[in-house]
Amino acid sequence: MRSHHNEKLASVIEHELNLILVRDFNFGGAIVTILDATVSKDNLKARVRLGIIPYIKEVEAFMEIKKREREIRHKILKNTRLRAVPKLFFEIVQEQKTETA
């Protein structure tokens, strides 16, 4: 169970990251959503789970986010009242493809 502080920090990171991705990124036809953000107990690491559609543009969009990670952390820090932003670890969540008959 996460503490209230960790939940609040994860919520702030998720909200700000959503705003940054919408405002400052152009993924060329891909839709990137933040599914979940979790923060470690020591507040040094944050794991952000991403959903990227379509599958073909997944790697390209993910690499763009990874390339601009420092910029993202700086913008989160600038737009919030946090003293320090945890190191962000992004991961892609792949949905199981189901066929409908």
PDB file of N, CA and C in Angstrom:
ATOM      1  N   MET A   1       0.838  -1.185   0.000  1.00  0.00           N
ATOM      2  CA  MET A   1       0.000   0.000   0.000  1.00  0.00           C
ATOM      3  C   MET A   1       0.877   1.241   0.000  1.00  0.00           C
ATOM      4  N   ARG A   2       0.587   2.156  -0.908  1.00  0.00           N
ATOM      5  CA  ARG A   2       1.368   3.380  -0.991  1.00  0.00           C
ATOM      6  C   ARG A   2       0.869   4.395   0.030  1.00  0.00           C
ATOM      7  N   SER A   3       1.789   5.193   0.499  1.00  0.00           N
ATOM      8  CA  SER A   3       1.394   6.222   1.448  1.00  0.00           C
ATOM      9  C   SER A   3       0.674   7.343   0.707  1.00  0.00           C
ATOM     10  N   HIS A   4      -0.003   8.166   1.450  1.00  0.00           N
ATOM     11  CA  HIS A   4      -0.749   9.279   0.861  1.00  0.00           C
ATOM     12  C   HIS A   4       0.187  10.229   0.114  1.00  0.00           C
ATOM     13  N   HIS A   5       1.360  10.478   0.672  1.00  0.00           N
ATOM     14  CA  HIS A   5       2.314  11.377   0.035  1.00  0.00           C
ATOM     15  C   HIS A   5       2.764  10.830  -1.327  1.00  0.00           C
ATOM     16  N   ASN A   6       3.063   9.555  -1.392  1.00  0.00           N
ATOM     17  CA  ASN A   6       3.484   8.951  -2.658  1.00  0.00           C
ATOM     18  C   ASN A   6       2.360   8.988  -3.691  1.00  0.00           C
ATOM     19  N   GLU A   7       1.128   8.737  -3.252  1.00  0.00           N
ATOM     20  CA  GLU A   7      -0.009   8.801  -4.165  1.00  0.00           C
ATOM     21  C   GLU A   7      -0.192  10.217  -4.714  1.00  0.00           C
ATOM     22  N   LYS A   8      -0.065  11.190  -3.865  1.00  0.00           N
ATOM     23  CA  LYS A   8      -0.214  12.587  -4.289  1.00  0.00           C
ATOM     24  C   LYS A   8       0.895  12.970  -5.262  1.00  0.00           C
ATOM     25  N   LEU A   9       2.124  12.594  -4.968  1.00  0.00           N
ATOM     26  CA  LEU A   9       3.252  12.881  -5.847  1.00  0.00           C
ATOM     27  C   LEU A   9       3.062  12.209  -7.202  1.00  0.00           C
ATOM     28  N   ALA A  10       2.626  10.973  -7.212  1.00  0.00           N
ATOM     29  CA  ALA A  10       2.373  10.267  -8.474  1.00  0.00           C
ATOM     30  C   ALA A  10       1.272  10.956  -9.266  1.00  0.00           C
ATOM     31  N   SER A  11       0.254  11.427  -8.579  1.00  0.00           N
ATOM     32  CA  SER A  11      -0.847  12.120  -9.236  1.00  0.00           C
ATOM     33  C   SER A  11      -0.379  13.437  -9.867  1.00  0.00           C
ATOM     34  N   VAL A  12       0.444  14.177  -9.156  1.00  0.00           N
ATOM     35  CA  VAL A  12       0.976  15.444  -9.681  1.00  0.00           C
ATOM     36  C   VAL A  12       1.854  15.184 -10.903  1.00  0.00           C
ATOM     37  N   ILE A  13       2.707  14.180 -10.825  1.00  0.00           N
ATOM     38  CA  ILE A  13       3.584  13.845 -11.950  1.00  0.00           C
ATOM     39  C   ILE A  13       2.748  13.421 -13.157  1.00  0.00           C
ATOM     40  N   GLU A  14       1.751  12.588 -12.928  1.00  0.00           N
ATOM     41  CA  GLU A  14       0.894  12.115 -14.019  1.00  0.00           C
ATOM     42  C   GLU A  14       0.163  13.283 -14.683  1.00  0.00           C
ATOM     43  N   HIS A  15      -0.388  14.181 -13.882  1.00  0.00           N
ATOM     44  CA  HIS A  15      -1.121  15.332 -14.413  1.00  0.00           C
ATOM     45  C   HIS A  15      -0.207  16.244 -15.232  1.00  0.00           C
ATOM     46  N   GLU A  16       0.930  16.612 -14.664  1.00  0.00           N
ATOM     47  CA  GLU A  16       1.855  17.502 -15.367  1.00  0.00           C
ATOM     48  C   GLU A  16       2.418  16.863 -16.625  1.00  0.00           C
ATOM     49  N   LEU A  17       2.707  15.588 -16.561  1.00  0.00           N
ATOM     50  CA  LEU A  17       3.233  14.882 -17.725  1.00  0.00           C
ATOM     51  C   LEU A  17       2.204  14.829 -18.853  1.00  0.00           C
ATOM     52  N   ASN A  18       0.941  14.642 -18.493  1.00  0.00           N
ATOM     53  CA  ASN A  18      -0.122  14.695 -19.503  1.00  0.00           C
ATOM     54  C   ASN A  18      -0.151  16.047 -20.196  1.00  0.00           C
ATOM     55  N   LEU A  19      -0.069  17.115 -19.421  1.00  0.00           N
ATOM     56  CA  LEU A  19      -0.078  18.462 -20.008  1.00  0.00           C
ATOM     57  C   LEU A  19       1.127  18.680 -20.918  1.00  0.00           C
ATOM     58  N   ILE A  20       2.291  18.232 -20.489  1.00  0.00           N
ATOM     59  CA  ILE A  20       3.519  18.408 -21.276  1.00  0.00           C
ATOM     60  C   ILE A  20       3.436  17.626 -22.583  1.00  0.00           C
ATOM     61  N   LEU A  21       2.960  16.390 -22.518  1.00  0.00           N
ATOM     62  CA  LEU A  21       2.874  15.579 -23.731  1.00  0.00           C
ATOM     63  C   LEU A  21       1.904  16.176 -24.742  1.00  0.00           C
ATOM     64  N   VAL A  22       0.806  16.740 -24.268  1.00  0.00           N
ATOM     65  CA  VAL A  22      -0.171  17.347 -25.171  1.00  0.00           C
ATOM     66  C   VAL A  22       0.362  18.647 -25.757  1.00  0.00           C
ATOM     67  N   ARG A  23       0.979  19.452 -24.920  1.00  0.00           N
ATOM     68  CA  ARG A  23       1.390  20.798 -25.325  1.00  0.00           C
ATOM     69  C   ARG A  23       2.692  20.814 -26.124  1.00  0.00           C
ATOM     70  N   ASP A  24       3.672  20.019 -25.764  1.00  0.00           N
ATOM     71  CA  ASP A  24       5.020  20.179 -26.305  1.00  0.00           C
ATOM     72  C   ASP A  24       5.492  19.073 -27.246  1.00  0.00           C
ATOM     73  N   PHE A  25       4.698  18.040 -27.432  1.00  0.00           N
ATOM     74  CA  PHE A  25       5.142  16.923 -28.257  1.00  0.00           C
ATOM     75  C   PHE A  25       4.231  16.767 -29.468  1.00  0.00           C
ATOM     76  N   ASN A  26       4.830  16.364 -30.578  1.00  0.00           N
ATOM     77  CA  ASN A  26       4.087  16.005 -31.778  1.00  0.00           C
ATOM     78  C   ASN A  26       4.574  14.615 -32.178  1.00  0.00           C
ATOM     79  N   PHE A  27       3.719  13.637 -32.014  1.00  0.00           N
ATOM     80  CA  PHE A  27       4.122  12.256 -32.254  1.00  0.00           C
ATOM     81  C   PHE A  27       3.794  11.764 -33.658  1.00  0.00           C
ATOM     82  N   GLY A  28       3.410  12.650 -34.539  1.00  0.00           N
ATOM     83  CA  GLY A  28       3.188  12.281 -35.926  1.00  0.00           C
ATOM     84  C   GLY A  28       2.132  11.218 -36.132  1.00  0.00           C
ATOM     85  N   GLY A  29       0.961  11.415 -35.578  1.00  0.00           N
ATOM     86  CA  GLY A  29      -0.130  10.467 -35.783  1.00  0.00           C
ATOM     87  C   GLY A  29      -0.292   9.434 -34.692  1.00  0.00           C
ATOM     88  N   ALA A  30       0.613   9.370 -33.758  1.00  0.00           N
ATOM     89  CA  ALA A  30       0.490   8.413 -32.651  1.00  0.00           C
ATOM     90  C   ALA A  30      -0.258   9.078 -31.497  1.00  0.00           C
ATOM     91  N   ILE A  31      -0.988   8.277 -30.762  1.00  0.00           N
ATOM     92  CA  ILE A  31      -1.675   8.739 -29.563  1.00  0.00           C
ATOM     93  C   ILE A  31      -0.946   8.141 -28.368  1.00  0.00           C
ATOM     94  N   VAL A  32      -0.464   9.011 -27.491  1.00  0.00           N
ATOM     95  CA  VAL A  32       0.264   8.568 -26.304  1.00  0.00           C
ATOM     96  C   VAL A  32      -0.556   8.943 -25.073  1.00  0.00           C
ATOM     97  N   THR A  33      -0.836   7.952 -24.238  1.00  0.00           N
ATOM     98  CA  THR A  33      -1.568   8.195 -23.006  1.00  0.00           C
ATOM     99  C   THR A  33      -0.766   7.681 -21.827  1.00  0.00           C
ATOM    100  N   ILE A  34      -0.954   8.308 -20.707  1.00  0.00           N
ATOM    101  CA  ILE A  34      -0.309   7.856 -19.478  1.00  0.00           C
ATOM    102  C   ILE A  34      -1.330   7.012 -18.730  1.00  0.00           C
ATOM    103  N   LEU A  35      -1.004   5.741 -18.563  1.00  0.00           N
ATOM    104  CA  LEU A  35      -1.919   4.821 -17.921  1.00  0.00           C
ATOM    105  C   LEU A  35      -1.783   4.834 -16.408  1.00  0.00           C
ATOM    106  N   ASP A  36      -0.552   5.015 -15.930  1.00  0.00           N
ATOM    107  CA  ASP A  36      -0.325   4.935 -14.494  1.00  0.00           C
ATOM    108  C   ASP A  36       1.030   5.537 -14.164  1.00  0.00           C
ATOM    109  N   ALA A  37       1.140   6.123 -13.001  1.00  0.00           N
ATOM    110  CA  ALA A  37       2.426   6.591 -12.495  1.00  0.00           C
ATOM    111  C   ALA A  37       2.544   6.134 -11.045  1.00  0.00           C
ATOM    112  N   THR A  38       3.679   5.536 -10.717  1.00  0.00           N
ATOM    113  CA  THR A  38       3.928   5.113  -9.341  1.00  0.00           C
ATOM    114  C   THR A  38       5.275   5.660  -8.904  1.00  0.00           C
ATOM    115  N   VAL A  39       5.368   6.001  -7.638  1.00  0.00           N
ATOM    116  CA  VAL A  39       6.594   6.567  -7.076  1.00  0.00           C
ATOM    117  C   VAL A  39       7.126   5.616  -6.018  1.00  0.00           C
ATOM    118  N   SER A  40       8.449   5.439  -6.009  1.00  0.00           N
ATOM    119  CA  SER A  40       9.063   4.552  -5.018  1.00  0.00           C
ATOM    120  C   SER A  40       8.905   5.137  -3.617  1.00  0.00           C
ATOM    121  N   LYS A  41       9.127   4.305  -2.613  1.00  0.00           N
ATOM    122  CA  LYS A  41       8.959   4.752  -1.226  1.00  0.00           C
ATOM    123  C   LYS A  41       9.902   5.884  -0.850  1.00  0.00           C
ATOM    124  N   ASP A  42      11.110   5.894  -1.453  1.00  0.00           N
ATOM    125  CA  ASP A  42      12.073   6.952  -1.134  1.00  0.00           C
ATOM    126  C   ASP A  42      11.923   8.191  -2.024  1.00  0.00           C
ATOM    127  N   ASN A  43      10.921   8.198  -2.892  1.00  0.00           N
ATOM    128  CA  ASN A  43      10.616   9.331  -3.785  1.00  0.00           C
ATOM    129  C   ASN A  43      11.735   9.668  -4.759  1.00  0.00           C
ATOM    130  N   LEU A  44      12.611   8.727  -5.043  1.00  0.00           N
ATOM    131  CA  LEU A  44      13.706   8.982  -5.974  1.00  0.00           C
ATOM    132  C   LEU A  44      13.414   8.489  -7.382  1.00  0.00           C
ATOM    133  N   LYS A  45      12.468   7.571  -7.510  1.00  0.00           N
ATOM    134  CA  LYS A  45      12.159   6.978  -8.814  1.00  0.00           C
ATOM    135  C   LYS A  45      10.656   6.990  -9.036  1.00  0.00           C
ATOM    136  N   ALA A  46      10.278   7.282 -10.271  1.00  0.00           N
ATOM    137  CA  ALA A  46       8.870   7.218 -10.657  1.00  0.00           C
ATOM    138  C   ALA A  46       8.754   6.370 -11.912  1.00  0.00           C
ATOM    139  N   ARG A  47       7.872   5.399 -11.882  1.00  0.00           N
ATOM    140  CA  ARG A  47       7.637   4.548 -13.044  1.00  0.00           C
ATOM    141  C   ARG A  47       6.360   5.028 -13.713  1.00  0.00           C
ATOM    142  N   VAL A  48       6.488   5.366 -14.992  1.00  0.00           N
ATOM    143  CA  VAL A  48       5.353   5.874 -15.763  1.00  0.00           C
ATOM    144  C   VAL A  48       5.034   4.861 -16.852  1.00  0.00           C
ATOM    145  N   ARG A  49       3.802   4.377 -16.836  1.00  0.00           N
ATOM    146  CA  ARG A  49       3.373   3.389 -17.827  1.00  0.00           C
ATOM    147  C   ARG A  49       2.623   4.108 -18.932  1.00  0.00           C
ATOM    148  N   LEU A  50       3.063   3.883 -20.171  1.00  0.00           N
ATOM    149  CA  LEU A  50       2.505   4.560 -21.334  1.00  0.00           C
ATOM    150  C   LEU A  50       1.733   3.595 -22.217  1.00  0.00           C
ATOM    151  N   GLY A  51       0.673   4.094 -22.810  1.00  0.00           N
ATOM    152  CA  GLY A  51      -0.045   3.377 -23.844  1.00  0.00           C
ATOM    153  C   GLY A  51       0.131   4.154 -25.142  1.00  0.00           C
ATOM    154  N   ILE A  52       0.597   3.493 -26.186  1.00  0.00           N
ATOM    155  CA  ILE A  52       0.862   4.169 -27.458  1.00  0.00           C
ATOM    156  C   ILE A  52       0.109   3.437 -28.566  1.00  0.00           C
ATOM    157  N   ILE A  53      -0.674   4.209 -29.315  1.00  0.00           N
ATOM    158  CA  ILE A  53      -1.447   3.677 -30.432  1.00  0.00           C
ATOM    159  C   ILE A  53      -1.097   4.514 -31.656  1.00  0.00           C
ATOM    160  N   PRO A  54      -0.872   4.014 -32.805  1.00  0.00           N
ATOM    161  CA  PRO A  54      -0.851   2.630 -33.241  1.00  0.00           C
ATOM    162  C   PRO A  54       0.470   1.958 -32.896  1.00  0.00           C
ATOM    163  N   TYR A  55       0.445   0.667 -32.932  1.00  0.00           N
ATOM    164  CA  TYR A  55       1.604  -0.144 -32.565  1.00  0.00           C
ATOM    165  C   TYR A  55       2.821   0.177 -33.433  1.00  0.00           C
ATOM    166  N   ILE A  56       2.603   0.514 -34.690  1.00  0.00           N
ATOM    167  CA  ILE A  56       3.703   0.780 -35.629  1.00  0.00           C
ATOM    168  C   ILE A  56       4.554   1.968 -35.178  1.00  0.00           C
ATOM    169  N   LYS A  57       3.936   2.963 -34.558  1.00  0.00           N
ATOM    170  CA  LYS A  57       4.656   4.170 -34.146  1.00  0.00           C
ATOM    171  C   LYS A  57       5.122   4.114 -32.692  1.00  0.00           C
ATOM    172  N   GLU A  58       4.948   2.983 -32.056  1.00  0.00           N
ATOM    173  CA  GLU A  58       5.264   2.827 -30.640  1.00  0.00           C
ATOM    174  C   GLU A  58       6.727   3.154 -30.323  1.00  0.00           C
ATOM    175  N   VAL A  59       7.644   2.550 -31.052  1.00  0.00           N
ATOM    176  CA  VAL A  59       9.070   2.734 -30.779  1.00  0.00           C
ATOM    177  C   VAL A  59       9.485   4.179 -31.040  1.00  0.00           C
ATOM    178  N   GLU A  60       9.010   4.746 -32.126  1.00  0.00           N
ATOM    179  CA  GLU A  60       9.359   6.128 -32.475  1.00  0.00           C
ATOM    180  C   GLU A  60       8.894   7.108 -31.398  1.00  0.00           C
ATOM    181  N   ALA A  61       7.665   6.971 -30.931  1.00  0.00           N
ATOM    182  CA  ALA A  61       7.128   7.857 -29.900  1.00  0.00           C
ATOM    183  C   ALA A  61       7.863   7.647 -28.574  1.00  0.00           C
ATOM    184  N   PHE A  62       8.144   6.392 -28.235  1.00  0.00           N
ATOM    185  CA  PHE A  62       8.838   6.089 -26.986  1.00  0.00           C
ATOM    186  C   PHE A  62      10.251   6.688 -26.983  1.00  0.00           C
ATOM    187  N   MET A  63      10.948   6.568 -28.103  1.00  0.00           N
ATOM    188  CA  MET A  63      12.307   7.119 -28.194  1.00  0.00           C
ATOM    189  C   MET A  63      12.297   8.647 -28.086  1.00  0.00           C
ATOM    190  N   GLU A  64      11.285   9.280 -28.632  1.00  0.00           N
ATOM    191  CA  GLU A  64      11.168  10.740 -28.520  1.00  0.00           C
ATOM    192  C   GLU A  64      10.993  11.164 -27.059  1.00  0.00           C
ATOM    193  N   ILE A  65      10.177  10.426 -26.327  1.00  0.00           N
ATOM    194  CA  ILE A  65       9.981  10.727 -24.903  1.00  0.00           C
ATOM    195  C   ILE A  65      11.267  10.502 -24.128  1.00  0.00           C
ATOM    196  N   LYS A  66      11.940   9.372 -24.380  1.00  0.00           N
ATOM    197  CA  LYS A  66      13.198   9.073 -23.680  1.00  0.00           C
ATOM    198  C   LYS A  66      14.264  10.127 -23.991  1.00  0.00           C
ATOM    199  N   LYS A  67      14.308  10.585 -25.235  1.00  0.00           N
ATOM    200  CA  LYS A  67      15.308  11.566 -25.641  1.00  0.00           C
ATOM    201  C   LYS A  67      15.117  12.901 -24.914  1.00  0.00           C
ATOM    202  N   ARG A  68      13.887  13.240 -24.617  1.00  0.00           N
ATOM    203  CA  ARG A  68      13.592  14.533 -23.992  1.00  0.00           C
ATOM    204  C   ARG A  68      13.249  14.408 -22.502  1.00  0.00           C
ATOM    205  N   GLU A  69      13.724  13.333 -21.871  1.00  0.00           N
ATOM    206  CA  GLU A  69      13.403  13.071 -20.464  1.00  0.00           C
ATOM    207  C   GLU A  69      13.870  14.194 -19.532  1.00  0.00           C
ATOM    208  N   ARG A  70      15.075  14.697 -19.748  1.00  0.00           N
ATOM    209  CA  ARG A  70      15.576  15.784 -18.889  1.00  0.00           C
ATOM    210  C   ARG A  70      14.721  17.034 -19.019  1.00  0.00           C
ATOM    211  N   GLU A  71      14.324  17.335 -20.237  1.00  0.00           N
ATOM    212  CA  GLU A  71      13.451  18.485 -20.479  1.00  0.00           C
ATOM    213  C   GLU A  71      12.105  18.304 -19.778  1.00  0.00           C
ATOM    214  N   ILE A  72      11.577  17.089 -19.824  1.00  0.00           N
ATOM    215  CA  ILE A  72      10.299  16.793 -19.162  1.00  0.00           C
ATOM    216  C   ILE A  72      10.423  16.994 -17.654  1.00  0.00           C
ATOM    217  N   ARG A  73      11.477  16.457 -17.060  1.00  0.00           N
ATOM    218  CA  ARG A  73      11.682  16.629 -15.611  1.00  0.00           C
ATOM    219  C   ARG A  73      11.803  18.098 -15.239  1.00  0.00           C
ATOM    220  N   HIS A  74      12.515  18.853 -16.059  1.00  0.00           N
ATOM    221  CA  HIS A  74      12.684  20.287 -15.794  1.00  0.00           C
ATOM    222  C   HIS A  74      11.340  21.012 -15.854  1.00  0.00           C
ATOM    223  N   LYS A  75      10.509  20.674 -16.833  1.00  0.00           N
ATOM    224  CA  LYS A  75       9.208  21.328 -16.960  1.00  0.00           C
ATOM    225  C   LYS A  75       8.278  20.960 -15.805  1.00  0.00           C
ATOM    226  N   ILE A  76       8.334  19.717 -15.357  1.00  0.00           N
ATOM    227  CA  ILE A  76       7.529  19.318 -14.194  1.00  0.00           C
ATOM    228  C   ILE A  76       7.963  20.118 -12.970  1.00  0.00           C
ATOM    229  N   LEU A  77       9.260  20.239 -12.780  1.00  0.00           N
ATOM    230  CA  LEU A  77       9.787  20.997 -11.642  1.00  0.00           C
ATOM    231  C   LEU A  77       9.380  22.463 -11.725  1.00  0.00           C
ATOM    232  N   LYS A  78       9.442  23.027 -12.906  1.00  0.00           N
ATOM    233  CA  LYS A  78       9.121  24.436 -13.117  1.00  0.00           C
ATOM    234  C   LYS A  78       7.638  24.719 -12.884  1.00  0.00           C
ATOM    235  N   ASN A  79       6.772  23.772 -13.265  1.00  0.00           N
ATOM    236  CA  ASN A  79       5.329  23.993 -13.198  1.00  0.00           C
ATOM    237  C   ASN A  79       4.696  23.578 -11.873  1.00  0.00           C
ATOM    238  N   THR A  80       5.474  22.988 -10.976  1.00  0.00           N
ATOM    239  CA  THR A  80       4.928  22.542  -9.699  1.00  0.00           C
ATOM    240  C   THR A  80       5.728  23.166  -8.560  1.00  0.00           C
ATOM    241  N   ARG A  81       5.297  22.886  -7.364  1.00  0.00           N
ATOM    242  CA  ARG A  81       5.999  23.391  -6.191  1.00  0.00           C
ATOM    243  C   ARG A  81       6.876  22.314  -5.552  1.00  0.00           C
ATOM    244  N   LEU A  82       7.232  21.322  -6.341  1.00  0.00           N
ATOM    245  CA  LEU A  82       8.076  20.242  -5.840  1.00  0.00           C
ATOM    246  C   LEU A  82       9.512  20.725  -5.665  1.00  0.00           C
ATOM    247  N   ARG A  83      10.180  20.198  -4.659  1.00  0.00           N
ATOM    248  CA  ARG A  83      11.600  20.511  -4.478  1.00  0.00           C
ATOM    249  C   ARG A  83      12.463  19.721  -5.436  1.00  0.00           C
ATOM    250  N   ALA A  84      12.072  18.488  -5.683  1.00  0.00           N
ATOM    251  CA  ALA A  84      12.822  17.626  -6.599  1.00  0.00           C
ATOM    252  C   ALA A  84      11.844  16.689  -7.295  1.00  0.00           C
ATOM    253  N   VAL A  85      12.122  16.425  -8.547  1.00  0.00           N
ATOM    254  CA  VAL A  85      11.297  15.501  -9.316  1.00  0.00           C
ATOM    255  C   VAL A  85      12.020  14.164  -9.367  1.00  0.00           C
ATOM    256  N   PRO A  86      11.325  13.083  -9.062  1.00  0.00           N
ATOM    257  CA  PRO A  86      11.974  11.767  -9.127  1.00  0.00           C
ATOM    258  C   PRO A  86      12.461  11.447 -10.537  1.00  0.00           C
ATOM    259  N   LYS A  87      13.450  10.571 -10.626  1.00  0.00           N
ATOM    260  CA  LYS A  87      13.924  10.099 -11.925  1.00  0.00           C
ATOM    261  C   LYS A  87      12.796   9.312 -12.572  1.00  0.00           C
ATOM    262  N   LEU A  88      12.494   9.649 -13.822  1.00  0.00           N
ATOM    263  CA  LEU A  88      11.377   9.034 -14.521  1.00  0.00           C
ATOM    264  C   LEU A  88      11.839   7.810 -15.304  1.00  0.00           C
ATOM    265  N   PHE A  89      11.137   6.711 -15.117  1.00  0.00           N
ATOM    266  CA  PHE A  89      11.376   5.486 -15.864  1.00  0.00           C
ATOM    267  C   PHE A  89      10.099   5.183 -16.641  1.00  0.00           C
ATOM    268  N   PHE A  90      10.195   5.274 -17.966  1.00  0.00           N
ATOM    269  CA  PHE A  90       9.041   5.048 -18.817  1.00  0.00           C
ATOM    270  C   PHE A  90       9.008   3.596 -19.277  1.00  0.00           C
ATOM    271  N   GLU A  91       7.807   3.059 -19.392  1.00  0.00           N
ATOM    272  CA  GLU A  91       7.643   1.720 -19.954  1.00  0.00           C
ATOM    273  C   GLU A  91       6.351   1.693 -20.757  1.00  0.00           C
ATOM    274  N   ILE A  92       6.380   0.914 -21.812  1.00  0.00           N
ATOM    275  CA  ILE A  92       5.220   0.787 -22.683  1.00  0.00           C
ATOM    276  C   ILE A  92       4.389  -0.407 -22.228  1.00  0.00           C
ATOM    277  N   VAL A  93       3.112  -0.188 -22.090  1.00  0.00           N
ATOM    278  CA  VAL A  93       2.194  -1.265 -21.750  1.00  0.00           C
ATOM    279  C   VAL A  93       1.593  -1.754 -23.055  1.00  0.00           C
ATOM    280  N   GLN A  94       1.805  -3.020 -23.339  1.00  0.00           N
ATOM    281  CA  GLN A  94       1.290  -3.595 -24.575  1.00  0.00           C
ATOM    282  C   GLN A  94       0.013  -4.361 -24.263  1.00  0.00           C
ATOM    283  N   GLU A  95      -1.049  -3.947 -24.897  1.00  0.00           N
ATOM    284  CA  GLU A  95      -2.332  -4.623 -24.712  1.00  0.00           C
ATOM    285  C   GLU A  95      -2.316  -5.939 -25.469  1.00  0.00           C
ATOM    286  N   GLN A  96      -2.963  -6.911 -24.913  1.00  0.00           N
ATOM    287  CA  GLN A  96      -3.105  -8.189 -25.597  1.00  0.00           C
ATOM    288  C   GLN A  96      -4.076  -8.000 -26.759  1.00  0.00           C
ATOM    289  N   LYS A  97      -3.642  -8.381 -27.926  1.00  0.00           N
ATOM    290  CA  LYS A  97      -4.500  -8.236 -29.094  1.00  0.00           C
ATOM    291  C   LYS A  97      -5.470  -9.394 -29.157  1.00  0.00           C
ATOM    292  N   THR A  98      -6.755  -9.065 -29.179  1.00  0.00           N
ATOM    293  CA  THR A  98      -7.771 -10.095 -29.268  1.00  0.00           C
ATOM    294  C   THR A  98      -8.469  -9.990 -30.603  1.00  0.00           C
ATOM    295  N   GLU A  99      -8.726 -11.119 -31.181  1.00  0.00           N
ATOM    296  CA  GLU A  99      -9.416 -11.143 -32.469  1.00  0.00           C
ATOM    297  C   GLU A  99     -10.887 -11.394 -32.223  1.00  0.00           C
ATOM    298  N   THR A 100     -11.702 -10.605 -32.899  1.00  0.00           N
ATOM    299  CA  THR A 100     -13.138 -10.812 -32.810  1.00  0.00           C
ATOM    300  C   THR A 100     -13.605 -11.523 -34.062  1.00  0.00           C
ATOM    301  N   ALA A 101     -14.405 -12.521 -33.865  1.00  0.00           N
ATOM    302  CA  ALA A 101     -14.851 -13.313 -35.024  1.00  0.00           C
ATOM    303  C   ALA A 101     -16.256 -12.985 -35.405  1.00  0.00           C
TER     304      ALA A 101
END
